[in-house]
Amino acid sequence: MKVLVDLLPAIAFVAGYLMGDIYLATVLLVVSLFAVVAIYRLWLKQWHKAHIATALIAAVLGGVTLYVHDPAFIKLKPTVVYALFSLVLLGSHVFGDRVLLARLPQQAFRLPDPVWRKVNFAWALFFAFCAALNWYVANHFDEATWVKLKAFGFTALMLVFMLAHAPFLMRYLQPDTAKD
């Protein structure tokens, strides 16, 4: 169920683009991102900072896109979000006693701090790559190509990146979670 909620903005964006244009897609994206924030708040009884940040960035850039009728601004949203994620992850190497990914609640893995630092740094580089890739495609390819990258390309890249981590992380899988 969580996966479907997380995919809602991408589905809404693609549906809006296919049924209308980039402007309808922008409206549906912003509305669906705030819906995700609300669903997580009502369902899990907590605020997710990443969802809130993404919704606010989309609202600002989407609003400018609609106001000036220029899709260049909404095309910046993935670049800004991915760059922000990268900077936050990199910043956690400097600020705090543990890197950000090591602080996230999870019980499946018990990684030593040096390993968490490597995983955290790898994700920071991945998000920086995604930010740069989005900027490049948004500025050098047509709108339809950018929409495909945003809707499907980044999802596929993230899946491949996560799967690439699997063999490395399996060494640290806790025995209780391996049975599930």
N, C-alpha and C. Protein backbone atom coordinates (compact mmCIF):
# COMPACT_ATOMS: atom_id res chain seq x y z
N MET A 1 0.82 -1.19 0.00
CA MET A 1 0.00 0.00 0.00
C MET A 1 0.87 1.26 0.00
N LYS A 2 1.96 1.22 0.80
CA LYS A 2 2.85 2.37 0.88
C LYS A 2 3.46 2.68 -0.48
N VAL A 3 3.81 1.64 -1.22
CA VAL A 3 4.42 1.82 -2.53
C VAL A 3 3.44 2.53 -3.47
N LEU A 4 2.18 2.14 -3.42
CA LEU A 4 1.18 2.78 -4.27
C LEU A 4 1.01 4.25 -3.92
N VAL A 5 1.01 4.55 -2.63
CA VAL A 5 0.89 5.95 -2.20
C VAL A 5 2.10 6.74 -2.69
N ASP A 6 3.29 6.14 -2.56
CA ASP A 6 4.51 6.83 -3.01
C ASP A 6 4.54 7.03 -4.52
N LEU A 7 3.90 6.14 -5.26
CA LEU A 7 3.86 6.25 -6.72
C LEU A 7 2.75 7.17 -7.23
N LEU A 8 1.84 7.54 -6.36
CA LEU A 8 0.70 8.38 -6.75
C LEU A 8 1.11 9.64 -7.52
N PRO A 9 2.09 10.43 -7.05
CA PRO A 9 2.46 11.63 -7.81
C PRO A 9 2.97 11.32 -9.22
N ALA A 10 3.77 10.27 -9.37
CA ALA A 10 4.28 9.93 -10.70
C ALA A 10 3.13 9.50 -11.62
N ILE A 11 2.21 8.70 -11.08
CA ILE A 11 1.06 8.26 -11.86
C ILE A 11 0.19 9.45 -12.26
N ALA A 12 -0.05 10.34 -11.30
CA ALA A 12 -0.87 11.53 -11.58
C ALA A 12 -0.19 12.42 -12.62
N PHE A 13 1.11 12.58 -12.52
CA PHE A 13 1.85 13.42 -13.47
C PHE A 13 1.74 12.86 -14.89
N VAL A 14 2.00 11.57 -15.03
CA VAL A 14 1.95 10.94 -16.36
C VAL A 14 0.52 10.99 -16.90
N ALA A 15 -0.46 10.70 -16.06
CA ALA A 15 -1.85 10.74 -16.51
C ALA A 15 -2.22 12.15 -16.99
N GLY A 16 -1.82 13.16 -16.23
CA GLY A 16 -2.09 14.53 -16.63
C GLY A 16 -1.42 14.90 -17.93
N TYR A 17 -0.20 14.44 -18.10
CA TYR A 17 0.54 14.74 -19.33
C TYR A 17 -0.12 14.05 -20.53
N LEU A 18 -0.50 12.79 -20.35
CA LEU A 18 -1.10 12.04 -21.46
C LEU A 18 -2.52 12.52 -21.78
N MET A 19 -3.26 12.94 -20.78
CA MET A 19 -4.64 13.41 -21.00
C MET A 19 -4.69 14.88 -21.42
N GLY A 20 -3.65 15.61 -21.10
CA GLY A 20 -3.68 17.04 -21.40
C GLY A 20 -2.33 17.53 -21.88
N ASP A 21 -1.63 18.17 -20.97
CA ASP A 21 -0.32 18.72 -21.30
C ASP A 21 0.50 18.86 -20.02
N ILE A 22 1.63 19.50 -20.12
CA ILE A 22 2.54 19.66 -18.98
C ILE A 22 1.89 20.49 -17.87
N TYR A 23 0.97 21.35 -18.22
CA TYR A 23 0.33 22.21 -17.22
C TYR A 23 -0.68 21.43 -16.38
N LEU A 24 -1.47 20.58 -17.03
CA LEU A 24 -2.37 19.71 -16.28
C LEU A 24 -1.54 18.74 -15.43
N ALA A 25 -0.47 18.22 -16.01
CA ALA A 25 0.41 17.32 -15.27
C ALA A 25 0.99 18.01 -14.03
N THR A 26 1.33 19.27 -14.17
CA THR A 26 1.88 20.04 -13.05
C THR A 26 0.85 20.19 -11.93
N VAL A 27 -0.36 20.53 -12.28
CA VAL A 27 -1.43 20.67 -11.28
C VAL A 27 -1.64 19.34 -10.55
N LEU A 28 -1.76 18.26 -11.32
CA LEU A 28 -1.99 16.95 -10.70
C LEU A 28 -0.81 16.51 -9.84
N LEU A 29 0.40 16.85 -10.26
CA LEU A 29 1.59 16.52 -9.47
C LEU A 29 1.55 17.22 -8.12
N VAL A 30 1.30 18.51 -8.13
CA VAL A 30 1.29 19.28 -6.88
C VAL A 30 0.18 18.78 -5.95
N VAL A 31 -1.01 18.61 -6.49
CA VAL A 31 -2.14 18.13 -5.68
C VAL A 31 -1.83 16.75 -5.11
N SER A 32 -1.30 15.86 -5.93
CA SER A 32 -1.02 14.49 -5.46
C SER A 32 0.11 14.47 -4.43
N LEU A 33 1.09 15.36 -4.55
CA LEU A 33 2.16 15.41 -3.55
C LEU A 33 1.62 15.84 -2.18
N PHE A 34 0.73 16.81 -2.18
CA PHE A 34 0.12 17.20 -0.90
C PHE A 34 -0.81 16.11 -0.38
N ALA A 35 -1.44 15.37 -1.29
CA ALA A 35 -2.27 14.23 -0.87
C ALA A 35 -1.41 13.17 -0.19
N VAL A 36 -0.21 12.93 -0.73
CA VAL A 36 0.71 11.96 -0.11
C VAL A 36 1.09 12.42 1.30
N VAL A 37 1.39 13.70 1.45
CA VAL A 37 1.72 14.23 2.78
C VAL A 37 0.56 13.99 3.74
N ALA A 38 -0.66 14.27 3.29
CA ALA A 38 -1.84 14.09 4.15
C ALA A 38 -2.09 12.61 4.46
N ILE A 39 -1.95 11.76 3.46
CA ILE A 39 -2.17 10.32 3.68
C ILE A 39 -1.19 9.78 4.70
N TYR A 40 0.09 10.14 4.57
CA TYR A 40 1.08 9.68 5.54
C TYR A 40 0.79 10.22 6.93
N ARG A 41 0.32 11.45 7.00
CA ARG A 41 0.00 12.04 8.31
C ARG A 41 -1.18 11.30 8.96
N LEU A 42 -2.22 11.05 8.17
CA LEU A 42 -3.41 10.38 8.70
C LEU A 42 -3.17 8.89 8.95
N TRP A 43 -2.43 8.26 8.07
CA TRP A 43 -2.22 6.82 8.14
C TRP A 43 -1.16 6.44 9.16
N LEU A 44 0.00 7.10 9.08
CA LEU A 44 1.13 6.75 9.95
C LEU A 44 1.28 7.67 11.15
N LYS A 45 0.45 8.69 11.21
CA LYS A 45 0.48 9.64 12.33
C LYS A 45 1.83 10.35 12.47
N GLN A 46 2.47 10.60 11.34
CA GLN A 46 3.73 11.34 11.39
C GLN A 46 3.93 12.14 10.11
N TRP A 47 4.74 13.16 10.22
CA TRP A 47 5.09 13.99 9.08
C TRP A 47 6.38 13.45 8.48
N HIS A 48 6.44 13.33 7.18
CA HIS A 48 7.67 12.91 6.50
C HIS A 48 8.31 14.14 5.88
N LYS A 49 9.47 14.50 6.39
CA LYS A 49 10.13 15.73 5.94
C LYS A 49 10.42 15.72 4.45
N ALA A 50 10.83 14.57 3.91
CA ALA A 50 11.12 14.50 2.47
C ALA A 50 9.87 14.74 1.64
N HIS A 51 8.74 14.20 2.07
CA HIS A 51 7.48 14.43 1.35
C HIS A 51 7.07 15.89 1.42
N ILE A 52 7.21 16.49 2.59
CA ILE A 52 6.84 17.89 2.76
C ILE A 52 7.73 18.78 1.90
N ALA A 53 9.03 18.54 1.94
CA ALA A 53 9.97 19.33 1.14
C ALA A 53 9.67 19.20 -0.35
N THR A 54 9.42 17.98 -0.80
CA THR A 54 9.12 17.75 -2.21
C THR A 54 7.83 18.46 -2.61
N ALA A 55 6.80 18.37 -1.77
CA ALA A 55 5.53 19.02 -2.07
C ALA A 55 5.69 20.54 -2.13
N LEU A 56 6.44 21.11 -1.19
CA LEU A 56 6.64 22.56 -1.18
C LEU A 56 7.43 23.03 -2.39
N ILE A 57 8.48 22.30 -2.74
CA ILE A 57 9.28 22.66 -3.92
C ILE A 57 8.41 22.57 -5.17
N ALA A 58 7.63 21.50 -5.27
CA ALA A 58 6.74 21.34 -6.43
C ALA A 58 5.70 22.45 -6.48
N ALA A 59 5.18 22.84 -5.32
CA ALA A 59 4.17 23.90 -5.28
C ALA A 59 4.76 25.23 -5.76
N VAL A 60 5.97 25.53 -5.32
CA VAL A 60 6.59 26.79 -5.73
C VAL A 60 6.93 26.76 -7.23
N LEU A 61 7.65 25.72 -7.65
CA LEU A 61 8.05 25.65 -9.06
C LEU A 61 6.85 25.41 -9.97
N GLY A 62 5.89 24.61 -9.51
CA GLY A 62 4.68 24.39 -10.28
C GLY A 62 3.85 25.66 -10.39
N GLY A 63 3.78 26.39 -9.29
CA GLY A 63 3.05 27.66 -9.31
C GLY A 63 3.66 28.65 -10.29
N VAL A 64 4.97 28.74 -10.30
CA VAL A 64 5.65 29.64 -11.24
C VAL A 64 5.42 29.15 -12.67
N THR A 65 5.50 27.83 -12.87
CA THR A 65 5.24 27.26 -14.20
C THR A 65 3.87 27.67 -14.71
N LEU A 66 2.87 27.55 -13.86
CA LEU A 66 1.50 27.88 -14.26
C LEU A 66 1.32 29.39 -14.44
N TYR A 67 1.94 30.16 -13.58
CA TYR A 67 1.77 31.62 -13.63
C TYR A 67 2.39 32.22 -14.89
N VAL A 68 3.62 31.80 -15.21
CA VAL A 68 4.30 32.37 -16.39
C VAL A 68 4.11 31.51 -17.63
N HIS A 69 3.41 30.39 -17.47
CA HIS A 69 3.13 29.46 -18.57
C HIS A 69 4.43 29.02 -19.25
N ASP A 70 5.38 28.56 -18.42
CA ASP A 70 6.68 28.10 -18.91
C ASP A 70 7.05 26.82 -18.17
N PRO A 71 7.13 25.70 -18.87
CA PRO A 71 7.42 24.42 -18.20
C PRO A 71 8.86 24.29 -17.69
N ALA A 72 9.71 25.23 -18.00
CA ALA A 72 11.10 25.14 -17.54
C ALA A 72 11.18 25.05 -16.02
N PHE A 73 10.26 25.69 -15.33
CA PHE A 73 10.32 25.72 -13.87
C PHE A 73 9.95 24.37 -13.25
N ILE A 74 8.91 23.72 -13.74
CA ILE A 74 8.55 22.42 -13.18
C ILE A 74 9.61 21.39 -13.55
N LYS A 75 10.29 21.58 -14.66
CA LYS A 75 11.36 20.67 -15.05
C LYS A 75 12.54 20.75 -14.09
N LEU A 76 12.64 21.86 -13.38
CA LEU A 76 13.71 22.02 -12.38
C LEU A 76 13.44 21.24 -11.09
N LYS A 77 12.18 20.90 -10.85
CA LYS A 77 11.81 20.27 -9.57
C LYS A 77 12.65 19.04 -9.24
N PRO A 78 12.80 18.06 -10.14
CA PRO A 78 13.64 16.92 -9.78
C PRO A 78 15.10 17.32 -9.50
N THR A 79 15.61 18.28 -10.25
CA THR A 79 16.98 18.73 -10.01
C THR A 79 17.12 19.31 -8.61
N VAL A 80 16.18 20.17 -8.23
CA VAL A 80 16.23 20.80 -6.91
C VAL A 80 16.06 19.75 -5.80
N VAL A 81 15.09 18.86 -5.95
CA VAL A 81 14.83 17.84 -4.93
C VAL A 81 16.02 16.90 -4.79
N TYR A 82 16.52 16.39 -5.91
CA TYR A 82 17.66 15.46 -5.84
C TYR A 82 18.91 16.16 -5.29
N ALA A 83 19.14 17.40 -5.68
CA ALA A 83 20.30 18.14 -5.15
C ALA A 83 20.15 18.36 -3.65
N LEU A 84 18.93 18.68 -3.21
CA LEU A 84 18.68 18.86 -1.77
C LEU A 84 18.95 17.56 -1.01
N PHE A 85 18.43 16.44 -1.52
CA PHE A 85 18.68 15.14 -0.87
C PHE A 85 20.18 14.87 -0.80
N SER A 86 20.89 15.12 -1.89
CA SER A 86 22.33 14.89 -1.92
C SER A 86 23.05 15.75 -0.89
N LEU A 87 22.70 17.02 -0.83
CA LEU A 87 23.34 17.93 0.12
C LEU A 87 23.05 17.55 1.57
N VAL A 88 21.82 17.13 1.84
CA VAL A 88 21.47 16.72 3.20
C VAL A 88 22.28 15.47 3.59
N LEU A 89 22.37 14.51 2.68
CA LEU A 89 23.15 13.31 2.98
C LEU A 89 24.62 13.64 3.16
N LEU A 90 25.17 14.48 2.30
CA LEU A 90 26.57 14.88 2.44
C LEU A 90 26.78 15.67 3.74
N GLY A 91 25.83 16.54 4.05
CA GLY A 91 25.94 17.34 5.27
C GLY A 91 25.95 16.48 6.52
N SER A 92 25.28 15.34 6.46
CA SER A 92 25.25 14.47 7.64
C SER A 92 26.61 13.83 7.91
N HIS A 93 27.52 13.90 6.96
CA HIS A 93 28.90 13.43 7.21
C HIS A 93 29.65 14.42 8.10
N VAL A 94 29.20 15.66 8.08
CA VAL A 94 29.87 16.71 8.83
C VAL A 94 29.15 17.02 10.14
N PHE A 95 27.82 17.04 10.07
CA PHE A 95 27.02 17.42 11.24
C PHE A 95 26.38 16.19 11.86
N GLY A 96 26.47 16.08 13.15
CA GLY A 96 25.87 14.96 13.86
C GLY A 96 26.88 13.85 14.13
N ASP A 97 26.47 12.93 14.99
CA ASP A 97 27.39 11.86 15.36
C ASP A 97 27.33 10.67 14.39
N ARG A 98 26.23 10.54 13.64
CA ARG A 98 26.09 9.46 12.66
C ARG A 98 25.53 10.02 11.38
N VAL A 99 25.85 9.38 10.27
CA VAL A 99 25.30 9.84 8.99
C VAL A 99 23.79 9.60 8.97
N LEU A 100 23.11 10.32 8.10
CA LEU A 100 21.65 10.31 8.09
C LEU A 100 21.06 8.92 7.88
N LEU A 101 21.55 8.16 6.94
CA LEU A 101 20.97 6.84 6.68
C LEU A 101 21.10 5.92 7.89
N ALA A 102 22.13 6.08 8.68
CA ALA A 102 22.31 5.27 9.89
C ALA A 102 21.29 5.65 10.96
N ARG A 103 20.75 6.86 10.88
CA ARG A 103 19.77 7.33 11.87
C ARG A 103 18.34 6.94 11.54
N LEU A 104 18.10 6.49 10.32
CA LEU A 104 16.74 6.12 9.93
C LEU A 104 16.31 4.86 10.67
N PRO A 105 15.05 4.82 11.09
CA PRO A 105 14.59 3.62 11.81
C PRO A 105 14.51 2.41 10.87
N GLN A 106 15.21 1.37 11.23
CA GLN A 106 15.16 0.10 10.51
C GLN A 106 15.79 -0.95 11.40
N GLN A 107 15.39 -2.18 11.19
CA GLN A 107 15.94 -3.26 11.99
C GLN A 107 16.54 -4.37 11.15
N ALA A 108 16.47 -4.25 9.86
CA ALA A 108 16.94 -5.34 9.00
C ALA A 108 18.46 -5.44 8.96
N PHE A 109 19.15 -4.30 9.04
CA PHE A 109 20.59 -4.30 8.88
C PHE A 109 21.29 -3.74 10.11
N ARG A 110 22.42 -4.33 10.43
CA ARG A 110 23.31 -3.81 11.49
C ARG A 110 24.66 -3.55 10.84
N LEU A 111 24.82 -2.34 10.37
CA LEU A 111 26.05 -1.97 9.69
C LEU A 111 26.96 -1.20 10.63
N PRO A 112 28.26 -1.48 10.56
CA PRO A 112 29.21 -0.65 11.32
C PRO A 112 29.21 0.78 10.76
N ASP A 113 29.55 1.73 11.58
CA ASP A 113 29.52 3.13 11.14
C ASP A 113 30.32 3.40 9.86
N PRO A 114 31.52 2.83 9.69
CA PRO A 114 32.24 3.09 8.43
C PRO A 114 31.46 2.61 7.19
N VAL A 115 30.72 1.52 7.34
CA VAL A 115 29.92 1.02 6.22
C VAL A 115 28.73 1.95 5.97
N TRP A 116 28.08 2.41 7.05
CA TRP A 116 26.99 3.37 6.89
C TRP A 116 27.48 4.62 6.16
N ARG A 117 28.69 5.07 6.50
CA ARG A 117 29.24 6.26 5.86
C ARG A 117 29.40 6.04 4.35
N LYS A 118 29.86 4.85 3.97
CA LYS A 118 30.03 4.55 2.54
C LYS A 118 28.69 4.48 1.83
N VAL A 119 27.71 3.84 2.46
CA VAL A 119 26.37 3.73 1.86
C VAL A 119 25.75 5.11 1.74
N ASN A 120 25.85 5.91 2.78
CA ASN A 120 25.32 7.27 2.78
C ASN A 120 25.96 8.11 1.68
N PHE A 121 27.28 8.00 1.56
CA PHE A 121 28.00 8.76 0.53
C PHE A 121 27.60 8.30 -0.87
N ALA A 122 27.42 6.99 -1.04
CA ALA A 122 26.99 6.46 -2.34
C ALA A 122 25.62 7.02 -2.73
N TRP A 123 24.70 7.08 -1.78
CA TRP A 123 23.37 7.64 -2.06
C TRP A 123 23.47 9.13 -2.36
N ALA A 124 24.33 9.84 -1.67
CA ALA A 124 24.51 11.27 -1.95
C ALA A 124 25.01 11.46 -3.38
N LEU A 125 25.97 10.64 -3.80
CA LEU A 125 26.47 10.73 -5.17
C LEU A 125 25.38 10.35 -6.18
N PHE A 126 24.60 9.34 -5.85
CA PHE A 126 23.52 8.93 -6.73
C PHE A 126 22.52 10.08 -6.93
N PHE A 127 22.12 10.72 -5.85
CA PHE A 127 21.17 11.83 -5.97
C PHE A 127 21.79 13.02 -6.72
N ALA A 128 23.08 13.26 -6.52
CA ALA A 128 23.76 14.33 -7.28
C ALA A 128 23.76 13.99 -8.77
N PHE A 129 24.00 12.73 -9.09
CA PHE A 129 23.95 12.28 -10.49
C PHE A 129 22.55 12.49 -11.07
N CYS A 130 21.53 12.11 -10.31
CA CYS A 130 20.14 12.28 -10.78
C CYS A 130 19.81 13.75 -11.00
N ALA A 131 20.29 14.62 -10.11
CA ALA A 131 20.05 16.06 -10.27
C ALA A 131 20.70 16.56 -11.57
N ALA A 132 21.93 16.15 -11.80
CA ALA A 132 22.64 16.58 -13.01
C ALA A 132 21.98 16.00 -14.27
N LEU A 133 21.59 14.74 -14.21
CA LEU A 133 20.94 14.10 -15.35
C LEU A 133 19.62 14.80 -15.68
N ASN A 134 18.83 15.11 -14.66
CA ASN A 134 17.57 15.80 -14.90
C ASN A 134 17.82 17.16 -15.55
N TRP A 135 18.76 17.90 -15.01
CA TRP A 135 19.06 19.22 -15.58
C TRP A 135 19.47 19.10 -17.05
N TYR A 136 20.34 18.13 -17.34
CA TYR A 136 20.81 17.94 -18.71
C TYR A 136 19.66 17.59 -19.66
N VAL A 137 18.87 16.61 -19.28
CA VAL A 137 17.76 16.17 -20.15
C VAL A 137 16.73 17.29 -20.30
N ALA A 138 16.41 17.98 -19.21
CA ALA A 138 15.42 19.07 -19.27
C ALA A 138 15.87 20.18 -20.21
N ASN A 139 17.17 20.39 -20.31
CA ASN A 139 17.69 21.50 -21.12
C ASN A 139 18.17 21.10 -22.51
N HIS A 140 18.30 19.81 -22.79
CA HIS A 140 18.85 19.39 -24.08
C HIS A 140 17.96 18.44 -24.87
N PHE A 141 16.83 18.05 -24.30
CA PHE A 141 15.92 17.13 -24.99
C PHE A 141 14.52 17.73 -25.00
N ASP A 142 13.65 17.12 -25.80
CA ASP A 142 12.27 17.62 -25.86
C ASP A 142 11.50 17.25 -24.59
N GLU A 143 10.35 17.88 -24.45
CA GLU A 143 9.54 17.71 -23.25
C GLU A 143 9.10 16.26 -23.03
N ALA A 144 8.72 15.58 -24.10
CA ALA A 144 8.27 14.19 -23.98
C ALA A 144 9.37 13.29 -23.44
N THR A 145 10.60 13.51 -23.88
CA THR A 145 11.73 12.72 -23.38
C THR A 145 11.95 12.99 -21.91
N TRP A 146 11.86 14.27 -21.51
CA TRP A 146 12.02 14.60 -20.10
C TRP A 146 10.94 13.95 -19.25
N VAL A 147 9.68 13.96 -19.72
CA VAL A 147 8.58 13.34 -18.97
C VAL A 147 8.85 11.85 -18.79
N LYS A 148 9.33 11.18 -19.82
CA LYS A 148 9.65 9.74 -19.72
C LYS A 148 10.75 9.51 -18.69
N LEU A 149 11.78 10.35 -18.71
CA LEU A 149 12.86 10.22 -17.72
C LEU A 149 12.31 10.41 -16.32
N LYS A 150 11.53 11.47 -16.12
CA LYS A 150 10.99 11.77 -14.80
C LYS A 150 10.08 10.66 -14.29
N ALA A 151 9.22 10.18 -15.16
CA ALA A 151 8.23 9.19 -14.74
C ALA A 151 8.79 7.78 -14.63
N PHE A 152 9.63 7.39 -15.56
CA PHE A 152 10.08 6.00 -15.59
C PHE A 152 11.60 5.85 -15.38
N GLY A 153 12.35 6.76 -15.94
CA GLY A 153 13.81 6.64 -15.88
C GLY A 153 14.38 6.70 -14.49
N PHE A 154 13.92 7.67 -13.70
CA PHE A 154 14.45 7.79 -12.34
C PHE A 154 14.00 6.63 -11.45
N THR A 155 12.80 6.13 -11.68
CA THR A 155 12.33 4.97 -10.93
C THR A 155 13.20 3.75 -11.25
N ALA A 156 13.47 3.56 -12.53
CA ALA A 156 14.32 2.43 -12.94
C ALA A 156 15.75 2.60 -12.40
N LEU A 157 16.29 3.80 -12.50
CA LEU A 157 17.63 4.05 -11.97
C LEU A 157 17.72 3.76 -10.48
N MET A 158 16.71 4.18 -9.74
CA MET A 158 16.71 3.95 -8.29
C MET A 158 16.62 2.46 -7.99
N LEU A 159 15.79 1.75 -8.72
CA LEU A 159 15.67 0.31 -8.53
C LEU A 159 17.00 -0.39 -8.81
N VAL A 160 17.64 -0.04 -9.89
CA VAL A 160 18.94 -0.63 -10.23
C VAL A 160 19.97 -0.29 -9.16
N PHE A 161 19.96 0.94 -8.70
CA PHE A 161 20.92 1.37 -7.67
C PHE A 161 20.70 0.59 -6.37
N MET A 162 19.43 0.42 -6.00
CA MET A 162 19.13 -0.35 -4.78
C MET A 162 19.54 -1.82 -4.94
N LEU A 163 19.25 -2.39 -6.09
CA LEU A 163 19.62 -3.79 -6.34
C LEU A 163 21.13 -3.97 -6.35
N ALA A 164 21.85 -2.97 -6.82
CA ALA A 164 23.31 -3.03 -6.82
C ALA A 164 23.86 -3.06 -5.40
N HIS A 165 23.14 -2.46 -4.47
CA HIS A 165 23.56 -2.48 -3.07
C HIS A 165 23.28 -3.81 -2.38
N ALA A 166 22.32 -4.54 -2.90
CA ALA A 166 21.85 -5.76 -2.23
C ALA A 166 22.96 -6.75 -1.88
N PRO A 167 23.82 -7.14 -2.81
CA PRO A 167 24.86 -8.11 -2.44
C PRO A 167 25.78 -7.60 -1.32
N PHE A 168 26.06 -6.32 -1.36
CA PHE A 168 26.92 -5.71 -0.35
C PHE A 168 26.25 -5.70 1.01
N LEU A 169 24.96 -5.36 1.04
CA LEU A 169 24.23 -5.23 2.31
C LEU A 169 23.78 -6.57 2.89
N MET A 170 23.66 -7.60 2.07
CA MET A 170 23.18 -8.91 2.55
C MET A 170 24.07 -9.47 3.66
N ARG A 171 25.33 -9.11 3.64
CA ARG A 171 26.25 -9.58 4.70
C ARG A 171 25.82 -9.09 6.08
N TYR A 172 25.09 -7.98 6.10
CA TYR A 172 24.71 -7.36 7.36
C TYR A 172 23.25 -7.59 7.72
N LEU A 173 22.56 -8.43 6.96
CA LEU A 173 21.16 -8.74 7.24
C LEU A 173 21.05 -9.49 8.55
N GLN A 174 20.14 -9.06 9.39
CA GLN A 174 19.95 -9.69 10.70
C GLN A 174 19.22 -11.02 10.53
N PRO A 175 19.61 -12.04 11.29
CA PRO A 175 18.99 -13.37 11.14
C PRO A 175 17.47 -13.38 11.30
N ASP A 176 16.90 -12.61 12.22
CA ASP A 176 15.45 -12.59 12.43
C ASP A 176 14.71 -12.09 11.20
N THR A 177 15.29 -11.10 10.51
CA THR A 177 14.61 -10.54 9.35
C THR A 177 14.81 -11.40 8.12
N ALA A 178 15.83 -12.23 8.09
CA ALA A 178 16.08 -13.09 6.93
C ALA A 178 14.98 -14.13 6.77
N LYS A 179 14.33 -14.55 7.88
CA LYS A 179 13.28 -15.57 7.83
C LYS A 179 11.99 -15.03 7.24
N ASP A 180 11.74 -13.71 7.38
CA ASP A 180 10.47 -13.10 6.93
C ASP A 180 10.39 -13.06 5.47
